[in-house]
């Protein structure tokens, strides 16, 4: 099952939109999501190269980053990323 990390901030309107896209995607594709508030965990955000929110990171089956979307992902793009061979 794909593992995702979503970096957000509390005041970010696009972050709310990204969550909505993830909610829609979850109706057709199963995945595990960890949401991290970049304002609350700045060291972790810096370590992972987060320069803006929302940033969504997909992890491969050994926990390494396989893709990244900065900004609000399009639903179709997200579904394609989640069903790619790297995330099986």
C-alpha atoms as a PDB file:
ATOM      1  CA  UNK A   1       0.000   0.000   0.000  1.00  0.00           C
ATOM      2  CA  UNK A   2       1.456   3.398  -0.927  1.00  0.00           C
ATOM      3  CA  UNK A   3       2.844   5.556   1.881  1.00  0.00           C
ATOM      4  CA  UNK A   4       2.412   9.323   1.598  1.00  0.00           C
ATOM      5  CA  UNK A   5       3.682  12.265   3.603  1.00  0.00           C
ATOM      6  CA  UNK A   6       1.820  15.560   3.338  1.00  0.00           C
ATOM      7  CA  UNK A   7       3.622  18.648   4.625  1.00  0.00           C
ATOM      8  CA  UNK A   8       1.184  21.404   5.533  1.00  0.00           C
ATOM      9  CA  UNK A   9       0.876  24.508   7.673  1.00  0.00           C
ATOM     10  CA  UNK A  10      -2.160  25.507   9.686  1.00  0.00           C
ATOM     11  CA  UNK A  11      -2.857  28.750   7.825  1.00  0.00           C
ATOM     12  CA  UNK A  12      -2.462  27.329   4.308  1.00  0.00           C
ATOM     13  CA  UNK A  13      -5.621  27.412   2.147  1.00  0.00           C
ATOM     14  CA  UNK A  14      -4.043  25.265  -0.608  1.00  0.00           C
ATOM     15  CA  UNK A  15      -3.256  22.673   2.092  1.00  0.00           C
ATOM     16  CA  UNK A  16      -6.980  22.317   2.764  1.00  0.00           C
ATOM     17  CA  UNK A  17      -7.518  21.811  -0.973  1.00  0.00           C
ATOM     18  CA  UNK A  18      -4.780  19.158  -1.062  1.00  0.00           C
ATOM     19  CA  UNK A  19      -6.521  17.304   1.779  1.00  0.00           C
ATOM     20  CA  UNK A  20      -9.774  17.356  -0.220  1.00  0.00           C
ATOM     21  CA  UNK A  21      -8.030  15.854  -3.262  1.00  0.00           C
ATOM     22  CA  UNK A  22      -6.535  13.163  -1.014  1.00  0.00           C
ATOM     23  CA  UNK A  23     -10.000  12.456   0.416  1.00  0.00           C
ATOM     24  CA  UNK A  24     -11.409  11.998  -3.105  1.00  0.00           C
ATOM     25  CA  UNK A  25      -8.479   9.781  -4.116  1.00  0.00           C
ATOM     26  CA  UNK A  26      -8.918   7.602  -1.021  1.00  0.00           C
ATOM     27  CA  UNK A  27     -12.342   6.539  -2.308  1.00  0.00           C
ATOM     28  CA  UNK A  28     -10.718   4.655  -5.203  1.00  0.00           C
ATOM     29  CA  UNK A  29      -7.117   3.982  -4.114  1.00  0.00           C
ATOM     30  CA  UNK A  30      -5.923   2.826  -0.699  1.00  0.00           C
ATOM     31  CA  UNK A  31      -2.897   4.533   0.848  1.00  0.00           C
ATOM     32  CA  UNK A  32      -1.431   5.446   4.219  1.00  0.00           C
ATOM     33  CA  UNK A  33      -1.072   9.165   4.893  1.00  0.00           C
ATOM     34  CA  UNK A  34       1.091  10.935   7.435  1.00  0.00           C
ATOM     35  CA  UNK A  35       0.461  14.660   7.725  1.00  0.00           C
ATOM     36  CA  UNK A  36       3.224  16.839   9.154  1.00  0.00           C
ATOM     37  CA  UNK A  37       2.803  20.476  10.071  1.00  0.00           C
ATOM     38  CA  UNK A  38       5.969  22.120   8.746  1.00  0.00           C
ATOM     39  CA  UNK A  39       5.575  25.032  11.175  1.00  0.00           C
ATOM     40  CA  UNK A  40       5.534  22.662  14.154  1.00  0.00           C
ATOM     41  CA  UNK A  41       8.400  20.508  12.818  1.00  0.00           C
ATOM     42  CA  UNK A  42      10.711  22.899  10.915  1.00  0.00           C
ATOM     43  CA  UNK A  43      13.818  20.721  11.317  1.00  0.00           C
ATOM     44  CA  UNK A  44      12.075  17.771   9.668  1.00  0.00           C
ATOM     45  CA  UNK A  45      10.756  20.001   6.890  1.00  0.00           C
ATOM     46  CA  UNK A  46      14.235  21.409   6.225  1.00  0.00           C
ATOM     47  CA  UNK A  47      15.774  17.934   6.284  1.00  0.00           C
ATOM     48  CA  UNK A  48      13.284  16.823   3.599  1.00  0.00           C
ATOM     49  CA  UNK A  49      13.765  19.909   1.425  1.00  0.00           C
ATOM     50  CA  UNK A  50      10.298  21.368   1.988  1.00  0.00           C
ATOM     51  CA  UNK A  51      10.255  24.926   0.670  1.00  0.00           C
ATOM     52  CA  UNK A  52       6.506  25.456   0.371  1.00  0.00           C
ATOM     53  CA  UNK A  53       3.258  23.872   1.432  1.00  0.00           C
ATOM     54  CA  UNK A  54       1.454  21.781   0.574  1.00  0.00           C
ATOM     55  CA  UNK A  55       4.090  19.263  -0.454  1.00  0.00           C
ATOM     56  CA  UNK A  56       3.082  15.654  -0.958  1.00  0.00           C
ATOM     57  CA  UNK A  57       5.771  12.961  -1.001  1.00  0.00           C
ATOM     58  CA  UNK A  58       5.243   9.385  -2.130  1.00  0.00           C
ATOM     59  CA  UNK A  59       7.492   6.713  -0.651  1.00  0.00           C
ATOM     60  CA  UNK A  60       8.519   3.492  -2.357  1.00  0.00           C
ATOM     61  CA  UNK A  61       8.316   0.079  -0.693  1.00  0.00           C
ATOM     62  CA  UNK A  62      11.603   0.630   1.166  1.00  0.00           C
ATOM     63  CA  UNK A  63      10.640   4.077   2.462  1.00  0.00           C
ATOM     64  CA  UNK A  64      12.592   6.229   0.014  1.00  0.00           C
ATOM     65  CA  UNK A  65      11.054   9.141  -1.841  1.00  0.00           C
ATOM     66  CA  UNK A  66       9.785   8.059  -5.243  1.00  0.00           C
ATOM     67  CA  UNK A  67       7.885  11.203  -6.239  1.00  0.00           C
ATOM     68  CA  UNK A  68       6.954  14.672  -4.993  1.00  0.00           C
ATOM     69  CA  UNK A  69       4.164  17.107  -5.793  1.00  0.00           C
ATOM     70  CA  UNK A  70       4.508  20.709  -4.631  1.00  0.00           C
ATOM     71  CA  UNK A  71       1.177  22.508  -4.502  1.00  0.00           C
ATOM     72  CA  UNK A  72      -2.269  21.009  -4.822  1.00  0.00           C
ATOM     73  CA  UNK A  73      -2.122  17.747  -6.789  1.00  0.00           C
ATOM     74  CA  UNK A  74      -4.620  17.127  -9.568  1.00  0.00           C
ATOM     75  CA  UNK A  75      -6.843  14.161  -8.754  1.00  0.00           C
ATOM     76  CA  UNK A  76      -6.015  12.221 -11.934  1.00  0.00           C
ATOM     77  CA  UNK A  77      -2.270  12.836 -11.494  1.00  0.00           C
ATOM     78  CA  UNK A  78      -2.475  11.627  -7.901  1.00  0.00           C
ATOM     79  CA  UNK A  79      -4.372   8.461  -8.863  1.00  0.00           C
ATOM     80  CA  UNK A  80      -1.736   7.696 -11.509  1.00  0.00           C
ATOM     81  CA  UNK A  81       1.097   8.207  -9.031  1.00  0.00           C
ATOM     82  CA  UNK A  82      -0.607   6.028  -6.438  1.00  0.00           C
ATOM     83  CA  UNK A  83      -1.186   3.153  -8.841  1.00  0.00           C
ATOM     84  CA  UNK A  84       2.270   3.203 -10.446  1.00  0.00           C
ATOM     85  CA  UNK A  85       4.484   0.129 -10.094  1.00  0.00           C
ATOM     86  CA  UNK A  86       6.796   1.910  -7.641  1.00  0.00           C
ATOM     87  CA  UNK A  87       4.031   2.082  -5.060  1.00  0.00           C
ATOM     88  CA  UNK A  88       2.790  -1.509  -5.234  1.00  0.00           C
END
